[in-house]
PDB file of N, CA and C in Angstrom:
ATOM      1  N   MET A   1       0.909  -0.776   0.299  1.00  0.00           N
ATOM      2  CA  MET A   1       0.221  -0.065   0.305  1.00  0.00           C
ATOM      3  C   MET A   1       1.187   1.774  -0.228  1.00  0.00           C
ATOM      4  N   LYS A   2       1.972   0.895  -0.503  1.00  0.00           N
ATOM      5  CA  LYS A   2       3.302   2.466  -0.422  1.00  0.00           C
ATOM      6  C   LYS A   2       2.755   3.253  -1.246  1.00  0.00           C
ATOM      7  N   TYR A   3       2.379   2.749  -2.216  1.00  0.00           N
ATOM      8  CA  TYR A   3       2.114   4.035  -3.738  1.00  0.00           C
ATOM      9  C   TYR A   3       0.795   4.389  -2.670  1.00  0.00           C
ATOM     10  N   GLN A   4       0.102   3.645  -2.084  1.00  0.00           N
ATOM     11  CA  GLN A   4      -1.486   4.804  -2.011  1.00  0.00           C
ATOM     12  C   GLN A   4      -0.899   5.626  -1.061  1.00  0.00           C
ATOM     13  N   PHE A   5      -0.079   5.232  -0.240  1.00  0.00           N
ATOM     14  CA  PHE A   5       0.314   6.401   0.776  1.00  0.00           C
ATOM     15  C   PHE A   5       0.974   7.424   0.247  1.00  0.00           C
ATOM     16  N   MET A   6       2.174   7.137  -0.372  1.00  0.00           N
ATOM     17  CA  MET A   6       2.460   8.399  -1.682  1.00  0.00           C
ATOM     18  C   MET A   6       1.944   9.463  -2.621  1.00  0.00           C
ATOM     19  N   ILE A   7       0.546   9.181  -3.215  1.00  0.00           N
ATOM     20  CA  ILE A   7      -0.065   9.880  -3.749  1.00  0.00           C
ATOM     21  C   ILE A   7      -1.304  10.513  -2.830  1.00  0.00           C
ATOM     22  N   SER A   8      -1.420  10.197  -1.352  1.00  0.00           N
ATOM     23  CA  SER A   8      -1.912  10.898  -0.682  1.00  0.00           C
ATOM     24  C   SER A   8      -1.046  12.093   0.322  1.00  0.00           C
ATOM     25  N   LYS A   9      -0.159  12.102  -0.120  1.00  0.00           N
ATOM     26  CA  LYS A   9       1.104  12.905   0.268  1.00  0.00           C
ATOM     27  C   LYS A   9       1.395  12.123   1.876  1.00  0.00           C
ATOM     28  N   GLN A  10       1.021  11.246   2.261  1.00  0.00           N
ATOM     29  CA  GLN A  10       1.714  10.259   3.536  1.00  0.00           C
ATOM     30  C   GLN A  10       2.649   9.021   3.442  1.00  0.00           C
ATOM     31  N   THR A  11       2.618   9.234   4.717  1.00  0.00           N
ATOM     32  CA  THR A  11       4.316   8.412   4.897  1.00  0.00           C
ATOM     33  C   THR A  11       3.530   6.920   5.634  1.00  0.00           C
ATOM     34  N   VAL A  12       4.308   6.453   4.965  1.00  0.00           N
ATOM     35  CA  VAL A  12       3.853   4.849   6.279  1.00  0.00           C
ATOM     36  C   VAL A  12       5.282   4.518   6.792  1.00  0.00           C
ATOM     37  N   GLU A  13       5.389   3.965   7.849  1.00  0.00           N
ATOM     38  CA  GLU A  13       6.438   3.296   8.424  1.00  0.00           C
ATOM     39  C   GLU A  13       6.518   1.987   9.768  1.00  0.00           C
ATOM     40  N   VAL A  14       7.252   0.829   8.416  1.00  0.00           N
ATOM     41  CA  VAL A  14       6.827  -0.174   9.080  1.00  0.00           C
ATOM     42  C   VAL A  14       8.323  -0.467  10.243  1.00  0.00           C
ATOM     43  N   LEU A  15       7.866  -1.142  11.429  1.00  0.00           N
ATOM     44  CA  LEU A  15       8.966  -1.931  12.759  1.00  0.00           C
ATOM     45  C   LEU A  15       8.763  -2.262  12.580  1.00  0.00           C
ATOM     46  N   ASN A  16       9.417  -3.830  12.215  1.00  0.00           N
ATOM     47  CA  ASN A  16       8.800  -5.192  12.491  1.00  0.00           C
ATOM     48  C   ASN A  16      10.032  -5.929  13.727  1.00  0.00           C
ATOM     49  N   SER A  17       9.428  -6.913  14.133  1.00  0.00           N
ATOM     50  CA  SER A  17      10.360  -7.303  15.336  1.00  0.00           C
ATOM     51  C   SER A  17      11.641  -7.937  15.091  1.00  0.00           C
ATOM     52  N   SER A  18      12.909  -7.719  15.247  1.00  0.00           N
ATOM     53  CA  SER A  18      13.498  -9.018  15.182  1.00  0.00           C
ATOM     54  C   SER A  18      13.426 -10.109  15.146  1.00  0.00           C
ATOM     55  N   ASP A  19      12.599 -10.305  16.188  1.00  0.00           N
ATOM     56  CA  ASP A  19      12.388 -11.594  16.639  1.00  0.00           C
ATOM     57  C   ASP A  19      11.786 -12.904  15.213  1.00  0.00           C
ATOM     58  N   GLU A  20      11.869 -14.213  14.707  1.00  0.00           N
ATOM     59  CA  GLU A  20      11.127 -14.739  14.619  1.00  0.00           C
ATOM     60  C   GLU A  20       9.726 -14.812  14.498  1.00  0.00           C
ATOM     61  N   ILE A  21       8.776 -14.862  14.148  1.00  0.00           N
ATOM     62  CA  ILE A  21       7.308 -14.436  14.468  1.00  0.00           C
ATOM     63  C   ILE A  21       6.091 -15.845  13.295  1.00  0.00           C
ATOM     64  N   ILE A  22       5.756 -16.863  14.152  1.00  0.00           N
ATOM     65  CA  ILE A  22       5.705 -17.977  13.761  1.00  0.00           C
ATOM     66  C   ILE A  22       3.772 -17.937  13.605  1.00  0.00           C
ATOM     67  N   ILE A  23       2.468 -17.678  13.051  1.00  0.00           N
ATOM     68  CA  ILE A  23       1.112 -17.952  13.471  1.00  0.00           C
ATOM     69  C   ILE A  23       0.336 -18.912  12.157  1.00  0.00           C
ATOM     70  N   ASN A  24      -0.282 -18.791  12.882  1.00  0.00           N
ATOM     71  CA  ASN A  24      -0.854 -20.226  12.903  1.00  0.00           C
ATOM     72  C   ASN A  24      -2.746 -19.170  12.565  1.00  0.00           C
ATOM     73  N   ALA A  25      -2.718 -18.708  11.457  1.00  0.00           N
ATOM     74  CA  ALA A  25      -3.673 -17.741  10.897  1.00  0.00           C
ATOM     75  C   ALA A  25      -3.868 -17.797  10.385  1.00  0.00           C
ATOM     76  N   ASP A  26      -5.220 -17.406   9.722  1.00  0.00           N
ATOM     77  CA  ASP A  26      -6.067 -17.607   7.601  1.00  0.00           C
ATOM     78  C   ASP A  26      -5.120 -16.242   7.533  1.00  0.00           C
ATOM     79  N   GLU A  27      -4.538 -16.219   6.351  1.00  0.00           N
ATOM     80  CA  GLU A  27      -3.162 -15.449   5.645  1.00  0.00           C
ATOM     81  C   GLU A  27      -4.193 -14.395   4.912  1.00  0.00           C
ATOM     82  N   GLU A  28      -5.088 -14.555   4.535  1.00  0.00           N
ATOM     83  CA  GLU A  28      -6.000 -13.819   3.880  1.00  0.00           C
ATOM     84  C   GLU A  28      -6.829 -13.115   4.767  1.00  0.00           C
ATOM     85  N   ALA A  29      -7.321 -13.884   5.678  1.00  0.00           N
ATOM     86  CA  ALA A  29      -8.321 -12.758   6.931  1.00  0.00           C
ATOM     87  C   ALA A  29      -7.099 -11.867   7.526  1.00  0.00           C
ATOM     88  N   VAL A  30      -5.948 -12.194   7.649  1.00  0.00           N
ATOM     89  CA  VAL A  30      -5.713 -10.861   7.676  1.00  0.00           C
ATOM     90  C   VAL A  30      -4.964 -10.006   7.341  1.00  0.00           C
ATOM     91  N   GLU A  31      -4.353 -10.589   6.146  1.00  0.00           N
ATOM     92  CA  GLU A  31      -4.487  -9.039   5.305  1.00  0.00           C
ATOM     93  C   GLU A  31      -5.036  -8.408   5.037  1.00  0.00           C
ATOM     94  N   ARG A  32      -6.452  -8.817   5.189  1.00  0.00           N
ATOM     95  CA  ARG A  32      -7.347  -7.731   4.910  1.00  0.00           C
ATOM     96  C   ARG A  32      -8.255  -7.092   6.564  1.00  0.00           C
ATOM     97  N   ALA A  33      -7.089  -8.136   7.050  1.00  0.00           N
ATOM     98  CA  ALA A  33      -7.888  -6.870   8.343  1.00  0.00           C
ATOM     99  C   ALA A  33      -6.721  -5.786   8.273  1.00  0.00           C
ATOM    100  N   ILE A  34      -5.726  -6.025   8.320  1.00  0.00           N
ATOM    101  CA  ILE A  34      -4.808  -4.880   8.216  1.00  0.00           C
ATOM    102  C   ILE A  34      -4.570  -3.987   6.737  1.00  0.00           C
ATOM    103  N   THR A  35      -4.929  -4.545   5.775  1.00  0.00           N
ATOM    104  CA  THR A  35      -5.539  -3.211   4.573  1.00  0.00           C
ATOM    105  C   THR A  35      -6.446  -2.335   4.603  1.00  0.00           C
ATOM    106  N   ASN A  36      -7.070  -3.194   5.459  1.00  0.00           N
ATOM    107  CA  ASN A  36      -8.695  -1.637   6.285  1.00  0.00           C
ATOM    108  C   ASN A  36      -8.196  -1.576   6.930  1.00  0.00           C
ATOM    109  N   LEU A  37      -7.147  -1.182   7.950  1.00  0.00           N
ATOM    110  CA  LEU A  37      -6.881  -0.574   8.926  1.00  0.00           C
ATOM    111  C   LEU A  37      -5.621   0.488   8.181  1.00  0.00           C
ATOM    112  N   LEU A  38      -4.797  -0.013   7.614  1.00  0.00           N
ATOM    113  CA  LEU A  38      -4.502   0.529   6.209  1.00  0.00           C
ATOM    114  C   LEU A  38      -5.209   2.000   5.551  1.00  0.00           C
ATOM    115  N   THR A  39      -5.990   1.338   5.115  1.00  0.00           N
ATOM    116  CA  THR A  39      -6.882   1.892   4.215  1.00  0.00           C
ATOM    117  C   THR A  39      -7.681   2.996   4.784  1.00  0.00           C
ATOM    118  N   ASN A  40      -7.962   2.682   6.119  1.00  0.00           N
ATOM    119  CA  ASN A  40      -8.409   3.813   6.855  1.00  0.00           C
ATOM    120  C   ASN A  40      -7.660   4.863   7.560  1.00  0.00           C
ATOM    121  N   ALA A  41      -6.739   4.244   7.788  1.00  0.00           N
ATOM    122  CA  ALA A  41      -5.525   5.556   8.152  1.00  0.00           C
ATOM    123  C   ALA A  41      -5.363   7.017   6.791  1.00  0.00           C
ATOM    124  N   ILE A  42      -5.501   5.918   5.876  1.00  0.00           N
ATOM    125  CA  ILE A  42      -4.792   6.766   4.722  1.00  0.00           C
ATOM    126  C   ILE A  42      -6.332   8.111   4.437  1.00  0.00           C
ATOM    127  N   LYS A  43      -7.522   7.513   4.469  1.00  0.00           N
ATOM    128  CA  LYS A  43      -8.638   7.782   3.981  1.00  0.00           C
ATOM    129  C   LYS A  43      -8.896   8.950   5.517  1.00  0.00           C
ATOM    130  N   TYR A  44      -8.764   8.742   6.461  1.00  0.00           N
ATOM    131  CA  TYR A  44      -9.212   9.640   7.434  1.00  0.00           C
ATOM    132  C   TYR A  44      -8.341  10.091   8.052  1.00  0.00           C
ATOM    133  N   SER A  45      -6.585  10.148   7.615  1.00  0.00           N
ATOM    134  CA  SER A  45      -5.672  11.323   7.974  1.00  0.00           C
ATOM    135  C   SER A  45      -5.187  12.422   7.066  1.00  0.00           C
ATOM    136  N   SER A  46      -5.253  13.575   7.349  1.00  0.00           N
ATOM    137  CA  SER A  46      -4.579  14.924   6.671  1.00  0.00           C
ATOM    138  C   SER A  46      -3.737  14.569   5.885  1.00  0.00           C
ATOM    139  N   GLY A  47      -3.264  15.481   4.729  1.00  0.00           N
ATOM    140  CA  GLY A  47      -2.131  15.156   4.024  1.00  0.00           C
ATOM    141  C   GLY A  47      -0.844  15.665   4.683  1.00  0.00           C
ATOM    142  N   GLU A  48      -0.063  14.752   3.935  1.00  0.00           N
ATOM    143  CA  GLU A  48       1.557  14.818   5.006  1.00  0.00           C
ATOM    144  C   GLU A  48       1.810  14.594   6.695  1.00  0.00           C
ATOM    145  N   SER A  49       0.435  13.510   6.500  1.00  0.00           N
ATOM    146  CA  SER A  49       0.560  12.799   7.868  1.00  0.00           C
ATOM    147  C   SER A  49       1.622  11.658   8.060  1.00  0.00           C
ATOM    148  N   LYS A  50       1.907  10.746   9.377  1.00  0.00           N
ATOM    149  CA  LYS A  50       2.173   9.708   8.733  1.00  0.00           C
ATOM    150  C   LYS A  50       1.714   8.627   9.685  1.00  0.00           C
ATOM    151  N   THR A  51       2.064   7.526   9.062  1.00  0.00           N
ATOM    152  CA  THR A  51       1.186   5.416   9.988  1.00  0.00           C
ATOM    153  C   THR A  51       2.281   5.251   9.860  1.00  0.00           C
ATOM    154  N   THR A  52       2.539   4.950  11.774  1.00  0.00           N
ATOM    155  CA  THR A  52       3.466   3.869  11.698  1.00  0.00           C
ATOM    156  C   THR A  52       2.740   2.412  11.990  1.00  0.00           C
ATOM    157  N   VAL A  53       3.127   1.062  11.012  1.00  0.00           N
ATOM    158  CA  VAL A  53       2.530   0.190  11.886  1.00  0.00           C
ATOM    159  C   VAL A  53       3.590  -1.222  12.345  1.00  0.00           C
ATOM    160  N   SER A  54       3.209  -1.507  13.427  1.00  0.00           N
ATOM    161  CA  SER A  54       4.144  -2.106  14.394  1.00  0.00           C
ATOM    162  C   SER A  54       3.894  -3.472  14.404  1.00  0.00           C
ATOM    163  N   VAL A  55       4.588  -4.640  14.832  1.00  0.00           N
ATOM    164  CA  VAL A  55       4.802  -5.692  14.167  1.00  0.00           C
ATOM    165  C   VAL A  55       5.668  -6.193  15.340  1.00  0.00           C
ATOM    166  N   LYS A  56       4.837  -7.098  16.783  1.00  0.00           N
ATOM    167  CA  LYS A  56       5.342  -7.513  18.022  1.00  0.00           C
ATOM    168  C   LYS A  56       5.183  -9.086  18.602  1.00  0.00           C
ATOM    169  N   LYS A  57       6.652  -9.256  18.656  1.00  0.00           N
ATOM    170  CA  LYS A  57       6.324 -10.729  18.941  1.00  0.00           C
ATOM    171  C   LYS A  57       5.323 -10.922  20.633  1.00  0.00           C
ATOM    172  N   LEU A  58       4.755 -11.686  20.779  1.00  0.00           N
ATOM    173  CA  LEU A  58       4.148 -11.106  22.133  1.00  0.00           C
ATOM    174  C   LEU A  58       4.760 -12.721  23.109  1.00  0.00           C
ATOM    175  N   ILE A  59       4.089 -13.192  24.384  1.00  0.00           N
ATOM    176  CA  ILE A  59       4.536 -14.118  25.075  1.00  0.00           C
ATOM    177  C   ILE A  59       3.578 -15.474  23.871  1.00  0.00           C
ATOM    178  N   SER A  60       2.573 -15.821  23.389  1.00  0.00           N
ATOM    179  CA  SER A  60       2.350 -16.790  22.996  1.00  0.00           C
ATOM    180  C   SER A  60       1.254 -16.517  21.574  1.00  0.00           C
ATOM    181  N   SER A  61       1.796 -15.197  21.623  1.00  0.00           N
ATOM    182  CA  SER A  61       0.790 -14.721  20.302  1.00  0.00           C
ATOM    183  C   SER A  61       1.353 -13.482  19.478  1.00  0.00           C
ATOM    184  N   ALA A  62       1.203 -12.847  18.431  1.00  0.00           N
ATOM    185  CA  ALA A  62       1.820 -11.574  17.431  1.00  0.00           C
ATOM    186  C   ALA A  62       0.851 -10.562  17.469  1.00  0.00           C
ATOM    187  N   GLY A  63       1.120  -9.478  17.482  1.00  0.00           N
ATOM    188  CA  GLY A  63       0.493  -8.149  18.206  1.00  0.00           C
ATOM    189  C   GLY A  63       1.210  -7.057  16.763  1.00  0.00           C
ATOM    190  N   VAL A  64      -0.014  -6.600  15.986  1.00  0.00           N
ATOM    191  CA  VAL A  64       0.023  -5.638  14.692  1.00  0.00           C
ATOM    192  C   VAL A  64       0.091  -4.527  15.581  1.00  0.00           C
ATOM    193  N   GLU A  65       0.025  -3.126  15.070  1.00  0.00           N
ATOM    194  CA  GLU A  65       0.074  -1.758  15.835  1.00  0.00           C
ATOM    195  C   GLU A  65      -0.562  -0.678  14.289  1.00  0.00           C
ATOM    196  N   VAL A  66      -1.518  -0.487  13.968  1.00  0.00           N
ATOM    197  CA  VAL A  66      -1.058   0.384  13.712  1.00  0.00           C
ATOM    198  C   VAL A  66      -1.875   2.360  13.828  1.00  0.00           C
ATOM    199  N   LYS A  67      -0.740   3.028  14.095  1.00  0.00           N
ATOM    200  CA  LYS A  67      -0.940   4.484  14.370  1.00  0.00           C
ATOM    201  C   LYS A  67      -1.216   5.409  13.494  1.00  0.00           C
ATOM    202  N   ASP A  68      -1.989   6.564  13.449  1.00  0.00           N
ATOM    203  CA  ASP A  68      -2.068   7.115  12.490  1.00  0.00           C
ATOM    204  C   ASP A  68      -2.619   9.030  13.427  1.00  0.00           C
ATOM    205  N   ASN A  69      -2.542   9.728  12.457  1.00  0.00           N
ATOM    206  CA  ASN A  69      -3.051  11.096  12.802  1.00  0.00           C
ATOM    207  C   ASN A  69      -4.446  11.392  12.964  1.00  0.00           C
ATOM    208  N   GLY A  70      -5.583  10.508  12.037  1.00  0.00           N
ATOM    209  CA  GLY A  70      -6.413  10.688  11.823  1.00  0.00           C
ATOM    210  C   GLY A  70      -7.575  11.297  12.822  1.00  0.00           C
ATOM    211  N   ARG A  71      -8.461  11.411  12.668  1.00  0.00           N
ATOM    212  CA  ARG A  71      -9.619  12.386  13.704  1.00  0.00           C
ATOM    213  C   ARG A  71      -9.955  11.225  14.711  1.00  0.00           C
ATOM    214  N   GLY A  72     -10.270   9.779  14.450  1.00  0.00           N
ATOM    215  CA  GLY A  72     -10.249   9.012  15.421  1.00  0.00           C
ATOM    216  C   GLY A  72     -11.643   8.524  15.883  1.00  0.00           C
ATOM    217  N   ILE A  73     -12.247   7.515  16.037  1.00  0.00           N
ATOM    218  CA  ILE A  73     -13.404   7.199  16.190  1.00  0.00           C
ATOM    219  C   ILE A  73     -14.390   7.726  16.900  1.00  0.00           C
ATOM    220  N   SER A  74     -15.810   8.105  17.070  1.00  0.00           N
ATOM    221  CA  SER A  74     -15.885   8.548  17.780  1.00  0.00           C
ATOM    222  C   SER A  74     -16.904   8.094  19.250  1.00  0.00           C
ATOM    223  N   ASP A  75     -16.453   8.445  20.428  1.00  0.00           N
ATOM    224  CA  ASP A  75     -16.812   7.847  21.875  1.00  0.00           C
ATOM    225  C   ASP A  75     -18.774   6.648  21.258  1.00  0.00           C
ATOM    226  N   GLU A  76     -18.914   7.592  20.487  1.00  0.00           N
ATOM    227  CA  GLU A  76     -20.558   6.608  19.930  1.00  0.00           C
ATOM    228  C   GLU A  76     -19.778   4.806  19.345  1.00  0.00           C
ATOM    229  N   ASP A  77     -19.518   5.283  18.403  1.00  0.00           N
ATOM    230  CA  ASP A  77     -19.782   4.034  17.555  1.00  0.00           C
ATOM    231  C   ASP A  77     -18.295   3.253  18.297  1.00  0.00           C
ATOM    232  N   LEU A  78     -17.200   3.950  19.218  1.00  0.00           N
ATOM    233  CA  LEU A  78     -16.291   3.231  19.503  1.00  0.00           C
ATOM    234  C   LEU A  78     -16.653   2.133  20.232  1.00  0.00           C
ATOM    235  N   ILE A  79     -17.504   2.022  20.780  1.00  0.00           N
ATOM    236  CA  ILE A  79     -18.484   0.928  21.377  1.00  0.00           C
ATOM    237  C   ILE A  79     -19.168   0.063  20.184  1.00  0.00           C
ATOM    238  N   ASN A  80     -19.870   0.310  19.733  1.00  0.00           N
ATOM    239  CA  ASN A  80     -19.794  -0.479  18.917  1.00  0.00           C
ATOM    240  C   ASN A  80     -18.948  -1.678  18.150  1.00  0.00           C
ATOM    241  N   ILE A  81     -17.398  -0.897  18.252  1.00  0.00           N
ATOM    242  CA  ILE A  81     -16.313  -1.892  17.681  1.00  0.00           C
ATOM    243  C   ILE A  81     -15.866  -2.635  18.605  1.00  0.00           C
ATOM    244  N   PHE A  82     -15.592  -2.404  19.463  1.00  0.00           N
ATOM    245  CA  PHE A  82     -14.572  -3.711  20.447  1.00  0.00           C
ATOM    246  C   PHE A  82     -15.458  -3.588  22.018  1.00  0.00           C
TER     247      PHE A  82
END
C-alpha cells in the first residue's frame, strides 16, 4: 500500500520485530484486516501525515498495531467496534 500512501502525500513506517514470528492464522483474513486499517488511516488522515505499523512478538501470540494521525472514532461508534 506504499503507493496509496504516496498518492495521498502521506508516509508509512513499518517497524518489524527482530524476532521470528510464526502465526497459525488465515493469511487472507489477516491481510484484509491490516489492509482495512491502513485504508482507513489514509482515508481519515490529512495530507502529509504519518502512519506507523508495528509488528511485535508477544508471549504466545503476535501483535500488529497501526497508529495514525486521523480524526479517530467517536465515542458513540467506538463502543460498537470493541
